Amino acid sequence: MDNNRQLTPLVNRGLRTEYFSTTWMAFEFMVGLYSGIKAGSILLIAFGLDSFLEIISGSTLIWRLKKQAGGAPAAEINRAEQKSSLIVGSVLLLLALYVTGVSLYNLVTHQAADSSLSGMAIAIASVILMPVLTIRKRALGKSLHSDALTEDGMCNITCAYMAGTVLIGALLTALFNWWWADSIAALILVYFIASEGWESFQEGRERG
């Protein structure tokens, strides 16, 4: 009981962090997807869809932390983390296949993406913000003995890598009109998406 009382402030900090993170991901999803569709950029569309998946992950963490705050059994929390890991991992792997297919099609047909100022702006903001969230979540995850919270922080680092790739691809397209830059950058992005998806999927299987 005393231990639960001691952890309550940390759980509340974790909840506030996840609320902020999930809200930002919702904003990132809307801006990324809209900008990607408008500019015809598979890179931005993939970035937006990944943000949507992180909304799912963040929502699961919020539910998990609320369970802990309410004193739920560890087995119940573990089952929730397992299902979340399997779902998010599977969807990320499917997203990697989608990005690969569309990028290769664009390269074969010489499809070029238009520049997107809103897409570049959201990418810059994510490159700055995501490492901050990662550090905070990893510290809270360690204090709360929550692997899921720590893993969610690593998703933010992947998001930062993705944002950097989006930014490079958009800049090359805007400055030099390299029609292939968006598709090549998107294929590089597949590595991060697939790696994150496989890690999450394996984590879910190991918990089973």
Protein backbone atom coordinates (compact mmCIF):
# COMPACT_ATOMS: atom_id res chain seq x y z
CA MET A 1 0.00 0.00 0.00
CA ASP A 2 2.78 2.43 0.94
CA ASN A 3 4.61 1.48 -2.23
CA ASN A 4 1.50 2.27 -4.31
CA ARG A 5 1.23 5.67 -2.64
CA GLN A 6 4.88 6.36 -3.41
CA LEU A 7 4.37 5.44 -7.07
CA THR A 8 1.19 7.50 -7.53
CA PRO A 9 3.00 10.80 -8.34
CA LEU A 10 5.16 8.97 -10.90
CA VAL A 11 2.08 7.33 -12.45
CA ASN A 12 0.40 10.74 -12.69
CA ARG A 13 3.50 12.17 -14.38
CA GLY A 14 3.45 9.25 -16.78
CA LEU A 15 -0.21 9.91 -17.58
CA ARG A 16 0.40 13.62 -18.22
CA THR A 17 3.33 12.75 -20.48
CA GLU A 18 1.26 10.24 -22.45
CA TYR A 19 -1.68 12.65 -22.74
CA PHE A 20 0.63 15.31 -24.21
CA SER A 21 2.40 12.79 -26.46
CA THR A 22 -0.84 11.32 -27.81
CA THR A 23 -2.33 14.76 -28.43
CA TRP A 24 0.78 15.79 -30.36
CA MET A 25 0.66 12.55 -32.38
CA ALA A 26 -2.97 13.28 -33.31
CA PHE A 27 -1.91 16.72 -34.57
CA GLU A 28 1.08 15.20 -36.37
CA PHE A 29 -1.16 12.58 -37.98
CA MET A 30 -3.62 15.15 -39.33
CA VAL A 31 -0.95 17.53 -40.65
CA GLY A 32 1.25 14.76 -42.06
CA LEU A 33 -1.57 12.92 -43.81
CA TYR A 34 -3.17 16.09 -45.20
CA SER A 35 0.19 17.45 -46.38
CA GLY A 36 1.14 14.11 -47.91
CA ILE A 37 -2.10 13.73 -49.86
CA LYS A 38 -2.01 17.35 -51.04
CA ALA A 39 1.65 17.12 -52.15
CA GLY A 40 1.40 13.54 -53.44
CA SER A 41 4.19 12.53 -51.06
CA ILE A 42 4.24 8.89 -49.96
CA LEU A 43 6.91 9.91 -47.45
CA LEU A 44 4.60 12.34 -45.64
CA ILE A 45 1.65 9.95 -45.87
CA ALA A 46 3.73 7.21 -44.24
CA PHE A 47 4.86 9.67 -41.56
CA GLY A 48 1.24 10.57 -40.83
CA LEU A 49 0.13 6.93 -40.70
CA ASP A 50 2.96 6.07 -38.31
CA SER A 51 1.77 8.90 -36.06
CA PHE A 52 -1.69 7.32 -36.07
CA LEU A 53 -0.19 4.03 -34.91
CA GLU A 54 1.59 5.87 -32.12
CA ILE A 55 -1.80 7.26 -31.06
CA ILE A 56 -2.90 3.63 -30.58
CA SER A 57 0.27 2.87 -28.63
CA GLY A 58 -0.09 5.99 -26.48
CA SER A 59 -3.76 5.27 -25.78
CA THR A 60 -2.85 1.77 -24.63
CA LEU A 61 -0.21 3.20 -22.30
CA ILE A 62 -2.75 5.62 -20.85
CA TRP A 63 -5.11 2.72 -20.18
CA ARG A 64 -2.26 0.70 -18.68
CA LEU A 65 -1.16 3.53 -16.37
CA LYS A 66 -4.74 4.11 -15.25
CA LYS A 67 -4.95 0.42 -14.40
CA GLN A 68 -1.80 0.73 -12.31
CA ALA A 69 -3.13 3.85 -10.61
CA GLY A 70 -6.27 1.88 -9.74
CA GLY A 71 -4.26 -1.06 -8.37
CA ALA A 72 -5.01 -3.59 -11.16
CA PRO A 73 -3.19 -6.96 -10.98
CA ALA A 74 0.13 -7.17 -12.82
CA ALA A 75 -1.16 -10.08 -14.94
CA GLU A 76 -3.97 -7.92 -16.32
CA ILE A 77 -1.56 -5.12 -17.21
CA ASN A 78 0.80 -7.62 -18.86
CA ARG A 79 -2.00 -9.00 -21.06
CA ALA A 80 -2.90 -5.49 -22.22
CA GLU A 81 0.73 -4.74 -23.12
CA GLN A 82 1.01 -8.03 -25.02
CA LYS A 83 -2.08 -7.36 -27.17
CA SER A 84 -0.97 -3.80 -27.87
CA SER A 85 2.51 -4.93 -28.94
CA LEU A 86 1.11 -7.56 -31.32
CA ILE A 87 -1.41 -5.20 -32.91
CA VAL A 88 0.94 -2.25 -33.35
CA GLY A 89 3.78 -4.50 -34.58
CA SER A 90 1.55 -6.18 -37.19
CA VAL A 91 0.20 -2.88 -38.52
CA LEU A 92 3.70 -1.37 -38.70
CA LEU A 93 4.93 -4.33 -40.76
CA LEU A 94 1.97 -3.92 -43.12
CA LEU A 95 2.73 -0.20 -43.37
CA ALA A 96 6.33 -1.04 -44.33
CA LEU A 97 5.04 -3.25 -47.16
CA TYR A 98 2.68 -0.49 -48.32
CA VAL A 99 5.42 2.17 -48.37
CA THR A 100 7.77 -0.17 -50.24
CA GLY A 101 5.17 -0.98 -52.90
CA VAL A 102 4.09 2.61 -53.53
CA SER A 103 7.67 3.94 -53.50
CA LEU A 104 8.80 1.37 -56.08
CA TYR A 105 5.76 2.19 -58.23
CA ASN A 106 6.56 5.91 -58.07
CA LEU A 107 10.18 5.24 -59.06
CA VAL A 108 9.11 3.13 -62.05
CA THR A 109 6.51 5.66 -63.23
CA HIS A 110 8.64 8.76 -62.37
CA GLN A 111 6.00 10.17 -60.02
CA ALA A 112 7.26 13.29 -58.23
CA ALA A 113 6.01 14.83 -54.99
CA ASP A 114 5.32 18.55 -54.65
CA SER A 115 6.98 20.53 -51.87
CA SER A 116 4.97 20.96 -48.67
CA LEU A 117 5.74 23.76 -46.22
CA SER A 118 3.34 22.33 -43.62
CA GLY A 119 4.98 18.92 -43.94
CA MET A 120 8.45 20.39 -43.46
CA ALA A 121 7.26 22.42 -40.46
CA ILE A 122 5.78 19.41 -38.66
CA ALA A 123 8.94 17.41 -39.36
CA ILE A 124 11.16 20.13 -37.85
CA ALA A 125 8.96 20.30 -34.75
CA SER A 126 9.07 16.51 -34.34
CA VAL A 127 12.86 16.37 -34.67
CA ILE A 128 13.08 18.79 -31.74
CA LEU A 129 10.26 17.41 -29.55
CA MET A 130 10.58 13.64 -29.90
CA PRO A 131 14.00 13.24 -28.16
CA VAL A 132 12.64 15.21 -25.18
CA LEU A 133 9.66 12.85 -24.88
CA THR A 134 11.96 9.83 -25.23
CA ILE A 135 14.18 10.92 -22.33
CA ARG A 136 11.17 11.61 -20.11
CA LYS A 137 9.39 8.32 -20.91
CA ARG A 138 12.54 6.23 -20.42
CA ALA A 139 13.14 7.81 -17.01
CA LEU A 140 9.52 7.26 -15.95
CA GLY A 141 9.51 3.72 -17.39
CA LYS A 142 12.57 2.83 -15.33
CA SER A 143 11.08 4.30 -12.15
CA LEU A 144 7.73 2.53 -12.68
CA HIS A 145 9.34 -0.74 -13.85
CA SER A 146 7.30 -0.44 -17.06
CA ASP A 147 8.95 -1.90 -20.16
CA ALA A 148 5.94 -0.74 -22.20
CA LEU A 149 6.49 2.91 -21.24
CA THR A 150 10.20 2.63 -22.06
CA GLU A 151 9.38 1.02 -25.43
CA ASP A 152 6.88 3.80 -26.14
CA GLY A 153 9.72 6.26 -25.60
CA MET A 154 11.80 4.39 -28.17
CA CYS A 155 8.90 4.78 -30.61
CA ASN A 156 9.38 8.53 -30.21
CA ILE A 157 13.04 8.21 -31.21
CA THR A 158 11.95 6.28 -34.31
CA CYS A 159 9.50 9.10 -35.01
CA ALA A 160 12.39 11.58 -34.79
CA TYR A 161 14.39 9.53 -37.32
CA MET A 162 11.35 9.43 -39.58
CA ALA A 163 10.82 13.18 -39.27
CA GLY A 164 14.47 13.75 -40.19
CA THR A 165 14.05 11.55 -43.26
CA VAL A 166 10.88 13.42 -44.23
CA LEU A 167 12.71 16.72 -43.87
CA ILE A 168 15.66 15.61 -46.01
CA GLY A 169 13.38 14.22 -48.71
CA ALA A 170 11.22 17.35 -48.79
CA LEU A 171 14.25 19.67 -48.91
CA LEU A 172 15.88 17.77 -51.77
CA THR A 173 12.63 17.82 -53.73
CA ALA A 174 12.00 21.52 -53.06
CA LEU A 175 15.56 22.79 -53.62
CA PHE A 176 16.78 20.59 -56.47
CA ASN A 177 13.55 19.22 -57.94
CA TRP A 178 14.88 15.66 -57.63
CA TRP A 179 11.71 13.75 -58.51
CA TRP A 180 13.09 10.51 -57.03
CA ALA A 181 14.13 11.96 -53.64
CA ASP A 182 10.75 11.43 -51.95
CA SER A 183 10.52 7.77 -52.98
CA ILE A 184 14.13 6.97 -52.08
CA ALA A 185 13.74 8.65 -48.68
CA ALA A 186 10.51 6.69 -48.16
CA LEU A 187 12.37 3.43 -48.83
CA ILE A 188 14.96 4.43 -46.22
CA LEU A 189 12.04 5.11 -43.89
CA VAL A 190 10.89 1.51 -44.35
CA TYR A 191 13.91 0.33 -42.34
CA PHE A 192 12.78 2.30 -39.29
CA ILE A 193 9.13 1.30 -39.67
CA ALA A 194 9.91 -2.40 -40.15
CA SER A 195 12.47 -2.47 -37.32
CA GLU A 196 10.02 -0.88 -34.90
CA GLY A 197 7.23 -3.18 -36.06
CA TRP A 198 9.28 -6.37 -35.76
CA GLU A 199 10.55 -5.41 -32.30
CA SER A 200 7.03 -4.67 -31.11
CA PHE A 201 5.68 -7.91 -32.61
CA GLN A 202 8.44 -10.01 -31.02
CA GLU A 203 7.87 -8.31 -27.68
CA GLY A 204 4.21 -9.28 -27.86
CA ARG A 205 5.04 -12.91 -28.69
CA GLU A 206 7.54 -13.15 -25.84
CA ARG A 207 4.94 -11.89 -23.40
CA GLY A 208 2.46 -14.54 -24.54
